[in-house]
Amino acid sequence: MRLIFAIEGIDQSGKGMQTKMLVEKLRKQGHKVELISFPDYFTIIGKEIKAFLEGDRNYSSQVRHMLLSLNRWERKDLIDEWLKEGKTVIFDRYSGSNYAYGLTQGLQLDWLLNLEKGLPEPSITILLDLSPEISLNRKMSGRDIHERDQELLKGVRKEYLKLAKRWSWIIVDASSDPDTVHDRIWSKLDNFIQKSHH
């Protein structure tokens, strides 16, 4: 079974928690699963990304989005390897976030799509939809430059919803408690997983 699930959403929409819960659920059912989060701060490019998110580097939005994409390319061999081994791969953020954040910052979708062309494509993308107000209430301090910008998050949410419509992503209301959100995600995926086994 060669499945890729990408979980997208604005900051504090619960991506980290939901991807972990999904991994546990799938492993319990006997699937081999790998989880990877982007940005992946452990790589050379990842460290650069961390620096600009913390405000220590000043890059144009083009350079920022090229670095974010490059970070995924750094991990492509590893992801391909997992898929070859028949593993299910789950992404906590993937190309979708580059599109949503890039569009909000005035970049062209064609240009952003070109950066990602050739990377493994998700079988399903799930958008955890959350209002920026709830996002802010969930985490008041220690936020990076993106997380602190309410207007940016509003724009990103809008772009995410447009992309979800355009590419038939699954939209899940992420404003409830983690278990409820997990059940909502699972109800959408369970069917898909069953089908792909037959």
N, C-alpha and C. Protein backbone atom coordinates (compact mmCIF):
# COMPACT_ATOMS: atom_id res chain seq x y z
N MET A 1 0.85 -1.20 0.00
CA MET A 1 0.00 0.00 0.00
C MET A 1 0.88 1.25 0.00
N ARG A 2 0.73 2.04 -1.06
CA ARG A 2 1.60 3.21 -1.18
C ARG A 2 0.74 4.45 -0.99
N LEU A 3 0.60 4.85 0.26
CA LEU A 3 -0.28 5.99 0.55
C LEU A 3 0.51 7.15 1.16
N ILE A 4 0.13 8.35 0.76
CA ILE A 4 0.73 9.55 1.34
C ILE A 4 -0.42 10.44 1.82
N PHE A 5 -0.41 10.75 3.11
CA PHE A 5 -1.41 11.66 3.67
C PHE A 5 -0.72 12.94 4.11
N ALA A 6 -1.21 14.06 3.62
CA ALA A 6 -0.65 15.35 4.06
C ALA A 6 -1.70 16.05 4.92
N ILE A 7 -1.26 16.52 6.08
CA ILE A 7 -2.16 17.27 6.97
C ILE A 7 -1.73 18.73 6.94
N GLU A 8 -2.65 19.59 6.53
CA GLU A 8 -2.35 21.02 6.39
C GLU A 8 -3.22 21.84 7.33
N GLY A 9 -2.85 23.10 7.51
CA GLY A 9 -3.66 23.99 8.34
C GLY A 9 -2.81 25.12 8.88
N ILE A 10 -3.47 26.18 9.33
CA ILE A 10 -2.72 27.30 9.90
C ILE A 10 -2.10 26.87 11.23
N ASP A 11 -1.30 27.73 11.82
CA ASP A 11 -0.64 27.42 13.08
C ASP A 11 -1.67 27.12 14.17
N GLN A 12 -1.32 26.15 15.00
CA GLN A 12 -2.17 25.73 16.12
C GLN A 12 -3.48 25.06 15.71
N SER A 13 -3.54 24.59 14.47
CA SER A 13 -4.77 23.89 14.07
C SER A 13 -4.73 22.43 14.52
N GLY A 14 -3.61 22.02 15.12
CA GLY A 14 -3.53 20.68 15.69
C GLY A 14 -2.85 19.66 14.79
N LYS A 15 -2.07 20.15 13.80
CA LYS A 15 -1.42 19.24 12.85
C LYS A 15 -0.50 18.22 13.54
N GLY A 16 0.33 18.71 14.45
CA GLY A 16 1.29 17.84 15.13
C GLY A 16 0.58 16.73 15.90
N MET A 17 -0.41 17.12 16.67
CA MET A 17 -1.18 16.16 17.47
C MET A 17 -1.92 15.17 16.57
N GLN A 18 -2.58 15.68 15.53
CA GLN A 18 -3.40 14.81 14.66
C GLN A 18 -2.55 13.84 13.83
N THR A 19 -1.39 14.30 13.38
CA THR A 19 -0.54 13.38 12.60
C THR A 19 -0.05 12.26 13.51
N LYS A 20 0.30 12.59 14.76
CA LYS A 20 0.77 11.55 15.71
C LYS A 20 -0.36 10.55 16.00
N MET A 21 -1.58 11.07 16.21
CA MET A 21 -2.71 10.19 16.50
C MET A 21 -3.01 9.26 15.32
N LEU A 22 -2.85 9.81 14.13
CA LEU A 22 -3.10 9.03 12.92
C LEU A 22 -2.06 7.92 12.77
N VAL A 23 -0.80 8.25 13.05
CA VAL A 23 0.28 7.26 12.99
C VAL A 23 -0.02 6.11 13.95
N GLU A 24 -0.38 6.45 15.19
CA GLU A 24 -0.67 5.43 16.20
C GLU A 24 -1.81 4.51 15.75
N LYS A 25 -2.86 5.13 15.25
CA LYS A 25 -4.04 4.38 14.80
C LYS A 25 -3.67 3.41 13.68
N LEU A 26 -2.92 3.89 12.69
CA LEU A 26 -2.54 3.06 11.55
C LEU A 26 -1.59 1.94 11.98
N ARG A 27 -0.66 2.26 12.89
CA ARG A 27 0.28 1.22 13.37
C ARG A 27 -0.47 0.13 14.12
N LYS A 28 -1.44 0.54 14.93
CA LYS A 28 -2.26 -0.44 15.66
C LYS A 28 -2.95 -1.40 14.70
N GLN A 29 -3.29 -0.89 13.53
CA GLN A 29 -3.97 -1.73 12.54
C GLN A 29 -2.98 -2.54 11.70
N GLY A 30 -1.71 -2.41 12.05
CA GLY A 30 -0.70 -3.23 11.37
C GLY A 30 -0.04 -2.59 10.16
N HIS A 31 -0.28 -1.31 9.93
CA HIS A 31 0.37 -0.64 8.79
C HIS A 31 1.77 -0.18 9.19
N LYS A 32 2.66 -0.18 8.22
CA LYS A 32 3.99 0.43 8.45
C LYS A 32 3.86 1.89 8.10
N VAL A 33 4.18 2.76 9.04
CA VAL A 33 3.94 4.19 8.84
C VAL A 33 5.18 5.01 9.20
N GLU A 34 5.44 6.04 8.41
CA GLU A 34 6.49 7.01 8.75
C GLU A 34 5.85 8.40 8.77
N LEU A 35 6.34 9.22 9.69
CA LEU A 35 5.83 10.59 9.83
C LEU A 35 6.98 11.57 9.61
N ILE A 36 6.72 12.60 8.83
CA ILE A 36 7.75 13.64 8.66
C ILE A 36 7.07 15.01 8.70
N SER A 37 7.70 15.94 9.41
CA SER A 37 7.14 17.29 9.54
C SER A 37 7.97 18.27 8.72
N PHE A 38 7.27 19.19 8.08
CA PHE A 38 7.96 20.28 7.37
C PHE A 38 7.51 21.61 7.94
N PRO A 39 8.41 22.61 8.08
CA PRO A 39 9.84 22.49 7.80
C PRO A 39 10.50 21.44 8.70
N ASP A 40 11.49 20.74 8.11
CA ASP A 40 12.30 19.80 8.86
C ASP A 40 13.55 20.57 9.29
N TYR A 41 13.58 20.95 10.57
CA TYR A 41 14.64 21.85 11.05
C TYR A 41 15.99 21.16 11.25
N PHE A 42 16.04 19.84 11.00
CA PHE A 42 17.30 19.11 11.27
C PHE A 42 18.26 19.15 10.09
N THR A 43 17.80 19.65 8.94
CA THR A 43 18.69 19.68 7.78
C THR A 43 19.39 21.05 7.69
N ILE A 44 20.33 21.14 6.77
CA ILE A 44 21.06 22.41 6.58
C ILE A 44 20.07 23.53 6.22
N ILE A 45 19.19 23.24 5.25
CA ILE A 45 18.21 24.25 4.83
C ILE A 45 17.22 24.52 5.96
N GLY A 46 16.87 23.47 6.69
CA GLY A 46 15.94 23.62 7.81
C GLY A 46 16.44 24.63 8.84
N LYS A 47 17.75 24.62 9.06
CA LYS A 47 18.33 25.56 10.04
C LYS A 47 18.21 27.01 9.54
N GLU A 48 18.36 27.17 8.22
CA GLU A 48 18.18 28.49 7.60
C GLU A 48 16.74 28.97 7.77
N ILE A 49 15.79 28.04 7.57
CA ILE A 49 14.37 28.37 7.69
C ILE A 49 14.06 28.81 9.12
N LYS A 50 14.61 28.07 10.07
CA LYS A 50 14.40 28.40 11.49
C LYS A 50 14.90 29.82 11.75
N ALA A 51 16.05 30.15 11.16
CA ALA A 51 16.64 31.48 11.36
C ALA A 51 15.71 32.58 10.84
N PHE A 52 15.08 32.39 9.67
CA PHE A 52 14.22 33.48 9.21
C PHE A 52 12.88 33.50 9.95
N LEU A 53 12.41 32.33 10.39
CA LEU A 53 11.15 32.33 11.16
C LEU A 53 11.34 32.99 12.53
N GLU A 54 12.56 32.93 13.03
CA GLU A 54 12.84 33.56 14.33
C GLU A 54 13.27 35.01 14.18
N GLY A 55 13.31 35.47 12.91
CA GLY A 55 13.63 36.88 12.67
C GLY A 55 15.12 37.20 12.62
N ASP A 56 15.98 36.14 12.54
CA ASP A 56 17.43 36.37 12.49
C ASP A 56 17.96 36.56 11.08
N ARG A 57 17.12 36.26 10.07
CA ARG A 57 17.54 36.45 8.67
C ARG A 57 16.43 37.20 7.97
N ASN A 58 16.83 37.97 6.97
CA ASN A 58 15.82 38.72 6.23
C ASN A 58 15.88 38.32 4.75
N TYR A 59 14.93 37.50 4.32
CA TYR A 59 14.90 37.07 2.93
C TYR A 59 13.63 37.59 2.26
N SER A 60 13.69 37.74 0.94
CA SER A 60 12.48 38.10 0.20
C SER A 60 11.54 36.90 0.23
N SER A 61 10.25 37.12 -0.05
CA SER A 61 9.32 35.98 0.01
C SER A 61 9.68 34.91 -1.01
N GLN A 62 10.24 35.30 -2.17
CA GLN A 62 10.66 34.28 -3.14
C GLN A 62 11.72 33.35 -2.53
N VAL A 63 12.72 33.97 -1.92
CA VAL A 63 13.81 33.16 -1.34
C VAL A 63 13.27 32.27 -0.22
N ARG A 64 12.39 32.82 0.60
CA ARG A 64 11.81 32.03 1.69
C ARG A 64 11.09 30.79 1.16
N HIS A 65 10.29 30.99 0.13
CA HIS A 65 9.52 29.86 -0.39
C HIS A 65 10.38 28.87 -1.18
N MET A 66 11.46 29.37 -1.75
CA MET A 66 12.41 28.45 -2.40
C MET A 66 13.08 27.58 -1.35
N LEU A 67 13.43 28.18 -0.22
CA LEU A 67 14.06 27.41 0.86
C LEU A 67 13.09 26.39 1.44
N LEU A 68 11.83 26.79 1.63
CA LEU A 68 10.83 25.87 2.17
C LEU A 68 10.64 24.67 1.24
N SER A 69 10.64 24.94 -0.07
CA SER A 69 10.50 23.87 -1.04
C SER A 69 11.76 22.99 -1.06
N LEU A 70 12.91 23.65 -1.04
CA LEU A 70 14.20 22.94 -1.04
C LEU A 70 14.29 21.98 0.15
N ASN A 71 13.71 22.37 1.26
CA ASN A 71 13.69 21.55 2.47
C ASN A 71 12.98 20.21 2.19
N ARG A 72 11.93 20.26 1.38
CA ARG A 72 11.23 19.02 1.00
C ARG A 72 12.10 18.19 0.03
N TRP A 73 12.76 18.88 -0.88
CA TRP A 73 13.64 18.17 -1.82
C TRP A 73 14.79 17.47 -1.09
N GLU A 74 15.27 18.09 -0.01
CA GLU A 74 16.34 17.46 0.78
C GLU A 74 15.91 16.09 1.29
N ARG A 75 14.62 15.93 1.52
CA ARG A 75 14.08 14.71 2.12
C ARG A 75 13.47 13.76 1.08
N LYS A 76 13.54 14.13 -0.20
CA LYS A 76 12.86 13.33 -1.23
C LYS A 76 13.38 11.88 -1.28
N ASP A 77 14.69 11.71 -1.21
CA ASP A 77 15.25 10.34 -1.28
C ASP A 77 14.72 9.47 -0.16
N LEU A 78 14.66 10.05 1.03
CA LEU A 78 14.17 9.32 2.20
C LEU A 78 12.70 8.93 2.01
N ILE A 79 11.90 9.88 1.53
CA ILE A 79 10.46 9.63 1.31
C ILE A 79 10.28 8.54 0.24
N ASP A 80 11.05 8.65 -0.85
CA ASP A 80 10.99 7.64 -1.92
C ASP A 80 11.34 6.25 -1.38
N GLU A 81 12.34 6.22 -0.52
CA GLU A 81 12.79 4.96 0.10
C GLU A 81 11.64 4.33 0.90
N TRP A 82 10.99 5.14 1.72
CA TRP A 82 9.86 4.66 2.53
C TRP A 82 8.76 4.10 1.64
N LEU A 83 8.45 4.84 0.58
CA LEU A 83 7.36 4.41 -0.31
C LEU A 83 7.73 3.09 -1.00
N LYS A 84 9.00 2.97 -1.36
CA LYS A 84 9.48 1.73 -2.00
C LYS A 84 9.30 0.55 -1.05
N GLU A 85 9.48 0.81 0.25
CA GLU A 85 9.33 -0.25 1.26
C GLU A 85 7.86 -0.52 1.56
N GLY A 86 6.97 0.15 0.83
CA GLY A 86 5.54 -0.10 1.02
C GLY A 86 4.95 0.58 2.25
N LYS A 87 5.65 1.59 2.74
CA LYS A 87 5.16 2.28 3.94
C LYS A 87 4.15 3.38 3.58
N THR A 88 3.28 3.66 4.53
CA THR A 88 2.40 4.82 4.40
C THR A 88 3.17 6.00 4.97
N VAL A 89 3.17 7.12 4.26
CA VAL A 89 3.91 8.30 4.74
C VAL A 89 2.92 9.40 5.09
N ILE A 90 3.11 9.97 6.27
CA ILE A 90 2.25 11.06 6.71
C ILE A 90 3.08 12.33 6.86
N PHE A 91 2.58 13.41 6.26
CA PHE A 91 3.26 14.69 6.34
C PHE A 91 2.52 15.63 7.27
N ASP A 92 3.25 16.23 8.18
CA ASP A 92 2.73 17.33 8.98
C ASP A 92 3.19 18.58 8.24
N ARG A 93 2.31 19.14 7.42
CA ARG A 93 2.61 20.20 6.43
C ARG A 93 3.39 19.63 5.26
N TYR A 94 3.00 20.12 4.06
CA TYR A 94 3.74 19.68 2.86
C TYR A 94 3.64 20.80 1.84
N SER A 95 3.61 20.46 0.57
CA SER A 95 3.61 21.48 -0.48
C SER A 95 2.44 22.46 -0.32
N GLY A 96 1.30 21.95 0.13
CA GLY A 96 0.11 22.80 0.29
C GLY A 96 0.35 24.05 1.10
N SER A 97 1.20 23.93 2.12
CA SER A 97 1.43 25.11 2.96
C SER A 97 2.26 26.15 2.20
N ASN A 98 3.14 25.67 1.31
CA ASN A 98 3.91 26.61 0.49
C ASN A 98 2.99 27.40 -0.44
N TYR A 99 1.97 26.71 -0.95
CA TYR A 99 1.01 27.39 -1.84
C TYR A 99 0.20 28.42 -1.06
N ALA A 100 -0.36 27.99 0.07
CA ALA A 100 -1.24 28.89 0.83
C ALA A 100 -0.49 30.12 1.36
N TYR A 101 0.68 29.89 1.94
CA TYR A 101 1.46 31.02 2.48
C TYR A 101 2.02 31.88 1.35
N GLY A 102 2.48 31.21 0.28
CA GLY A 102 3.05 31.95 -0.85
C GLY A 102 2.04 32.85 -1.53
N LEU A 103 0.83 32.30 -1.78
CA LEU A 103 -0.23 33.09 -2.41
C LEU A 103 -0.59 34.29 -1.55
N THR A 104 -0.63 34.07 -0.24
CA THR A 104 -0.98 35.16 0.69
C THR A 104 0.07 36.27 0.62
N GLN A 105 1.31 35.88 0.31
CA GLN A 105 2.38 36.89 0.24
C GLN A 105 2.62 37.39 -1.18
N GLY A 106 1.61 37.16 -2.05
CA GLY A 106 1.66 37.77 -3.38
C GLY A 106 2.42 37.01 -4.44
N LEU A 107 2.79 35.77 -4.15
CA LEU A 107 3.50 34.98 -5.17
C LEU A 107 2.49 34.29 -6.08
N GLN A 108 2.93 33.93 -7.27
CA GLN A 108 2.04 33.29 -8.26
C GLN A 108 1.97 31.79 -8.02
N LEU A 109 0.76 31.23 -8.17
CA LEU A 109 0.60 29.80 -7.96
C LEU A 109 1.45 28.98 -8.94
N ASP A 110 1.52 29.40 -10.21
CA ASP A 110 2.32 28.66 -11.20
C ASP A 110 3.77 28.54 -10.76
N TRP A 111 4.28 29.64 -10.25
CA TRP A 111 5.69 29.68 -9.81
C TRP A 111 5.88 28.73 -8.63
N LEU A 112 4.94 28.77 -7.68
CA LEU A 112 5.02 27.92 -6.49
C LEU A 112 4.89 26.44 -6.87
N LEU A 113 3.98 26.14 -7.82
CA LEU A 113 3.79 24.75 -8.26
C LEU A 113 5.06 24.20 -8.90
N ASN A 114 5.75 25.06 -9.65
CA ASN A 114 7.00 24.63 -10.29
C ASN A 114 8.06 24.20 -9.30
N LEU A 115 8.11 24.88 -8.15
CA LEU A 115 9.10 24.54 -7.12
C LEU A 115 8.91 23.12 -6.61
N GLU A 116 7.65 22.67 -6.60
CA GLU A 116 7.32 21.36 -6.00
C GLU A 116 7.24 20.24 -7.03
N LYS A 117 7.32 20.61 -8.30
CA LYS A 117 7.12 19.63 -9.38
C LYS A 117 8.16 18.51 -9.30
N GLY A 118 7.67 17.26 -9.19
CA GLY A 118 8.60 16.13 -9.11
C GLY A 118 8.71 15.54 -7.71
N LEU A 119 8.16 16.23 -6.72
CA LEU A 119 8.12 15.67 -5.36
C LEU A 119 6.97 14.66 -5.30
N PRO A 120 7.08 13.66 -4.41
CA PRO A 120 5.97 12.71 -4.27
C PRO A 120 4.67 13.46 -3.94
N GLU A 121 3.58 13.05 -4.60
CA GLU A 121 2.32 13.77 -4.37
C GLU A 121 1.43 13.04 -3.38
N PRO A 122 0.76 13.78 -2.49
CA PRO A 122 -0.13 13.15 -1.52
C PRO A 122 -1.30 12.42 -2.19
N SER A 123 -1.66 11.26 -1.63
CA SER A 123 -2.87 10.56 -2.08
C SER A 123 -4.08 11.37 -1.62
N ILE A 124 -3.97 11.90 -0.41
CA ILE A 124 -5.05 12.71 0.16
C ILE A 124 -4.43 13.84 0.97
N THR A 125 -5.00 15.03 0.84
CA THR A 125 -4.59 16.15 1.70
C THR A 125 -5.78 16.51 2.57
N ILE A 126 -5.50 16.65 3.86
CA ILE A 126 -6.55 17.01 4.82
C ILE A 126 -6.24 18.40 5.36
N LEU A 127 -7.22 19.27 5.24
CA LEU A 127 -7.05 20.63 5.76
C LEU A 127 -7.76 20.74 7.10
N LEU A 128 -6.99 21.01 8.15
CA LEU A 128 -7.57 21.26 9.47
C LEU A 128 -7.95 22.73 9.52
N ASP A 129 -9.22 23.01 9.39
CA ASP A 129 -9.66 24.41 9.28
C ASP A 129 -9.92 25.00 10.66
N LEU A 130 -9.33 26.17 10.88
CA LEU A 130 -9.42 26.83 12.19
C LEU A 130 -9.37 28.34 11.99
N SER A 131 -10.12 29.07 12.81
CA SER A 131 -10.05 30.54 12.69
C SER A 131 -8.78 31.05 13.36
N PRO A 132 -8.20 32.15 12.84
CA PRO A 132 -7.00 32.73 13.45
C PRO A 132 -7.22 33.10 14.91
N GLU A 133 -8.48 33.47 15.27
CA GLU A 133 -8.76 33.84 16.67
C GLU A 133 -8.52 32.66 17.60
N ILE A 134 -9.04 31.49 17.19
CA ILE A 134 -8.84 30.29 18.03
C ILE A 134 -7.36 29.92 18.05
N SER A 135 -6.70 30.07 16.90
CA SER A 135 -5.26 29.77 16.83
C SER A 135 -4.50 30.58 17.87
N LEU A 136 -4.82 31.86 17.95
CA LEU A 136 -4.13 32.76 18.88
C LEU A 136 -4.41 32.37 20.33
N ASN A 137 -5.66 32.01 20.61
CA ASN A 137 -6.00 31.61 21.98
C ASN A 137 -5.31 30.33 22.41
N ARG A 138 -5.01 29.46 21.45
CA ARG A 138 -4.36 28.19 21.78
C ARG A 138 -2.89 28.36 22.16
N LYS A 139 -2.29 29.43 21.65
CA LYS A 139 -0.87 29.64 21.98
C LYS A 139 -0.60 31.13 21.99
N MET A 140 -0.43 31.67 23.18
CA MET A 140 -0.28 33.13 23.30
C MET A 140 1.17 33.58 23.15
N SER A 141 2.10 32.79 23.66
CA SER A 141 3.49 33.28 23.64
C SER A 141 4.39 32.32 22.87
N GLY A 142 5.61 32.77 22.61
CA GLY A 142 6.59 31.93 21.93
C GLY A 142 6.23 31.63 20.49
N ARG A 143 5.52 32.54 19.84
CA ARG A 143 5.10 32.30 18.45
C ARG A 143 6.14 32.86 17.47
N ASP A 144 6.30 32.21 16.31
CA ASP A 144 7.27 32.73 15.33
C ASP A 144 6.64 33.88 14.53
N ILE A 145 7.41 34.46 13.61
CA ILE A 145 6.91 35.67 12.92
C ILE A 145 5.62 35.41 12.15
N HIS A 146 5.48 34.20 11.59
CA HIS A 146 4.24 33.88 10.88
C HIS A 146 3.07 33.78 11.86
N GLU A 147 3.32 33.10 12.97
CA GLU A 147 2.24 32.84 13.94
C GLU A 147 1.72 34.12 14.59
N ARG A 148 2.60 35.12 14.67
CA ARG A 148 2.19 36.35 15.35
C ARG A 148 1.34 37.26 14.48
N ASP A 149 1.35 36.99 13.17
CA ASP A 149 0.71 37.90 12.22
C ASP A 149 -0.73 37.45 11.92
N GLN A 150 -1.68 38.07 12.62
CA GLN A 150 -3.10 37.69 12.49
C GLN A 150 -3.62 37.88 11.07
N GLU A 151 -3.24 38.99 10.45
CA GLU A 151 -3.71 39.26 9.09
C GLU A 151 -3.20 38.20 8.12
N LEU A 152 -1.93 37.82 8.31
CA LEU A 152 -1.35 36.78 7.47
C LEU A 152 -2.14 35.48 7.63
N LEU A 153 -2.41 35.11 8.88
CA LEU A 153 -3.14 33.85 9.13
C LEU A 153 -4.54 33.88 8.51
N LYS A 154 -5.18 35.05 8.56
CA LYS A 154 -6.51 35.19 7.94
C LYS A 154 -6.40 34.91 6.44
N GLY A 155 -5.39 35.51 5.82
CA GLY A 155 -5.17 35.34 4.38
C GLY A 155 -4.84 33.89 4.04
N VAL A 156 -3.99 33.29 4.87
CA VAL A 156 -3.57 31.90 4.62
C VAL A 156 -4.77 30.97 4.73
N ARG A 157 -5.62 31.21 5.73
CA ARG A 157 -6.81 30.36 5.88
C ARG A 157 -7.69 30.45 4.62
N LYS A 158 -7.85 31.69 4.12
CA LYS A 158 -8.68 31.91 2.94
C LYS A 158 -8.10 31.15 1.73
N GLU A 159 -6.77 31.25 1.56
CA GLU A 159 -6.12 30.58 0.43
C GLU A 159 -6.22 29.05 0.58
N TYR A 160 -6.04 28.58 1.81
CA TYR A 160 -6.16 27.14 2.06
C TYR A 160 -7.53 26.63 1.62
N LEU A 161 -8.58 27.37 1.99
CA LEU A 161 -9.95 26.94 1.65
C LEU A 161 -10.16 26.95 0.14
N LYS A 162 -9.58 27.94 -0.53
CA LYS A 162 -9.69 28.00 -2.00
C LYS A 162 -8.98 26.81 -2.65
N LEU A 163 -7.78 26.50 -2.13
CA LEU A 163 -7.01 25.37 -2.68
C LEU A 163 -7.75 24.06 -2.43
N ALA A 164 -8.35 23.96 -1.24
CA ALA A 164 -9.06 22.73 -0.87
C ALA A 164 -10.21 22.48 -1.85
N LYS A 165 -10.87 23.55 -2.22
CA LYS A 165 -11.98 23.45 -3.17
C LYS A 165 -11.45 23.04 -4.55
N ARG A 166 -10.39 23.71 -4.94
CA ARG A 166 -9.81 23.49 -6.27
C ARG A 166 -9.33 22.05 -6.46
N TRP A 167 -8.71 21.48 -5.41
CA TRP A 167 -8.09 20.16 -5.53
C TRP A 167 -8.82 19.07 -4.73
N SER A 168 -10.04 19.37 -4.30
CA SER A 168 -10.85 18.40 -3.54
C SER A 168 -10.13 17.83 -2.31
N TRP A 169 -9.50 18.70 -1.56
CA TRP A 169 -8.94 18.27 -0.28
C TRP A 169 -10.10 18.01 0.69
N ILE A 170 -9.82 17.22 1.70
CA ILE A 170 -10.82 16.99 2.75
C ILE A 170 -10.69 18.11 3.78
N ILE A 171 -11.79 18.79 4.04
CA ILE A 171 -11.75 19.87 5.04
C ILE A 171 -12.35 19.36 6.34
N VAL A 172 -11.60 19.49 7.43
CA VAL A 172 -12.07 19.03 8.74
C VAL A 172 -12.08 20.21 9.70
N ASP A 173 -13.19 20.40 10.38
CA ASP A 173 -13.29 21.47 11.37
C ASP A 173 -12.38 21.12 12.55
N ALA A 174 -11.38 21.96 12.78
CA ALA A 174 -10.36 21.65 13.79
C ALA A 174 -10.58 22.39 15.11
N SER A 175 -11.79 22.96 15.28
CA SER A 175 -12.00 23.79 16.48
C SER A 175 -12.40 22.96 17.71
N SER A 176 -12.69 21.65 17.52
CA SER A 176 -13.10 20.82 18.66
C SER A 176 -11.89 20.24 19.39
N ASP A 177 -12.19 19.36 20.37
CA ASP A 177 -11.09 18.72 21.11
C ASP A 177 -10.40 17.70 20.19
N PRO A 178 -9.13 17.35 20.50
CA PRO A 178 -8.33 16.48 19.62
C PRO A 178 -9.01 15.16 19.26
N ASP A 179 -9.68 14.51 20.20
CA ASP A 179 -10.30 13.21 19.91
C ASP A 179 -11.41 13.33 18.87
N THR A 180 -12.22 14.38 19.01
CA THR A 180 -13.30 14.61 18.05
C THR A 180 -12.73 14.86 16.66
N VAL A 181 -11.69 15.69 16.61
CA VAL A 181 -11.06 16.00 15.31
C VAL A 181 -10.47 14.73 14.71
N HIS A 182 -9.83 13.91 15.56
CA HIS A 182 -9.25 12.65 15.09
C HIS A 182 -10.33 11.75 14.49
N ASP A 183 -11.48 11.67 15.18
CA ASP A 183 -12.59 10.84 14.68
C ASP A 183 -13.08 11.34 13.32
N ARG A 184 -13.12 12.67 13.18
CA ARG A 184 -13.57 13.25 11.91
C ARG A 184 -12.60 12.88 10.79
N ILE A 185 -11.31 12.97 11.08
CA ILE A 185 -10.29 12.63 10.07
C ILE A 185 -10.42 11.15 9.72
N TRP A 186 -10.53 10.32 10.77
CA TRP A 186 -10.56 8.88 10.55
C TRP A 186 -11.77 8.46 9.71
N SER A 187 -12.90 9.09 9.98
CA SER A 187 -14.11 8.72 9.22
C SER A 187 -13.92 8.98 7.74
N LYS A 188 -13.11 9.99 7.40
CA LYS A 188 -12.84 10.30 5.98
C LYS A 188 -11.81 9.34 5.39
N LEU A 189 -10.82 8.95 6.21
CA LEU A 189 -9.71 8.16 5.68
C LEU A 189 -9.98 6.67 5.65
N ASP A 190 -10.76 6.20 6.62
CA ASP A 190 -10.97 4.76 6.80
C ASP A 190 -11.42 4.11 5.49
N ASN A 191 -12.41 4.71 4.87
CA ASN A 191 -12.94 4.24 3.60
C ASN A 191 -11.86 4.11 2.54
N PHE A 192 -11.08 5.18 2.46
CA PHE A 192 -10.04 5.29 1.45
C PHE A 192 -8.99 4.19 1.66
N ILE A 193 -8.63 3.95 2.93
CA ILE A 193 -7.62 2.95 3.25
C ILE A 193 -8.15 1.55 2.91
N GLN A 194 -9.41 1.30 3.26
CA GLN A 194 -10.03 -0.01 2.95
C GLN A 194 -9.95 -0.27 1.44
N LYS A 195 -10.37 0.75 0.67
CA LYS A 195 -10.39 0.60 -0.79
C LYS A 195 -9.02 0.29 -1.35
N SER A 196 -8.02 0.98 -0.85
CA SER A 196 -6.69 0.84 -1.41
C SER A 196 -6.09 -0.54 -1.09
N HIS A 197 -6.71 -1.25 -0.15
CA HIS A 197 -6.21 -2.59 0.20
C HIS A 197 -6.74 -3.66 -0.74
N HIS A 198 -7.86 -3.33 -1.41
CA HIS A 198 -8.47 -4.38 -2.24
C HIS A 198 -7.93 -4.38 -3.66
